[in-house]
Amino acid sequence: MSADIVLLSWYVARVRRAALAMAGLSEQGFIVYYPSRATTRVRGGKVHEGQEPVFPGYFFVRLPRERSVWRAVNGTRGVIRLIASGEDGIPLPLPAGEVEALQARDRAGEFRPKYPRRLRPGDTVVFKHGALLGQVGLVERTKRERISVLLQVLGGIKVDAPRGWLRAAAAAA
């Protein structure tokens, strides 16, 4: 019973075009891990939801420890090269369990941003500063750092307030 045991290790690949590199490596049968997190950005006064890499320009690839395989990875479109040691250029495998620990943190949601999402029209907010401290209102419009809020007091008057003076009503409790 002589079965060849192939030892797989995780390596770090430096990439120029991650999507292209991941597609090429997946087509070759390699396992790729590219951790990302949800983002919220404001551009031109509009909120955009998206994803950004946790390690921009790098991802992890699981490979056997064979020189021919390293060449195949380094020759894949979008890949700059596997991270290697010194002058000999031998790719450095990551310590056992490192990527698995990152994957567990990813599944647990630890890569999610720690800050609350941006306020949007229709959100209920509470004033946390200023003369209206504690008052509840409904976000009508957001524009850069100013937010228009319809107050529930005084017949629903509209007030513009700095973004930093407000917090989502759910977070107020």
Foldseek 3Di string as FASTA:
>chain_A
DDDDDFDKFKFKFFFDDVVQLVVQCVVVPKDKAFAKEWDWDADPQDIDIDIDTPDPRMIMIIDTQDPVVQVSSCPGPGTVHIDADDPVRRTDTDPPPPVVVVVVCVVVVVNYDPDDDADDAQFKKAFCDDPRHGWIWGFHGTGDQWTWTQTPPPPGDIDIDGRVRIDGPVVVD
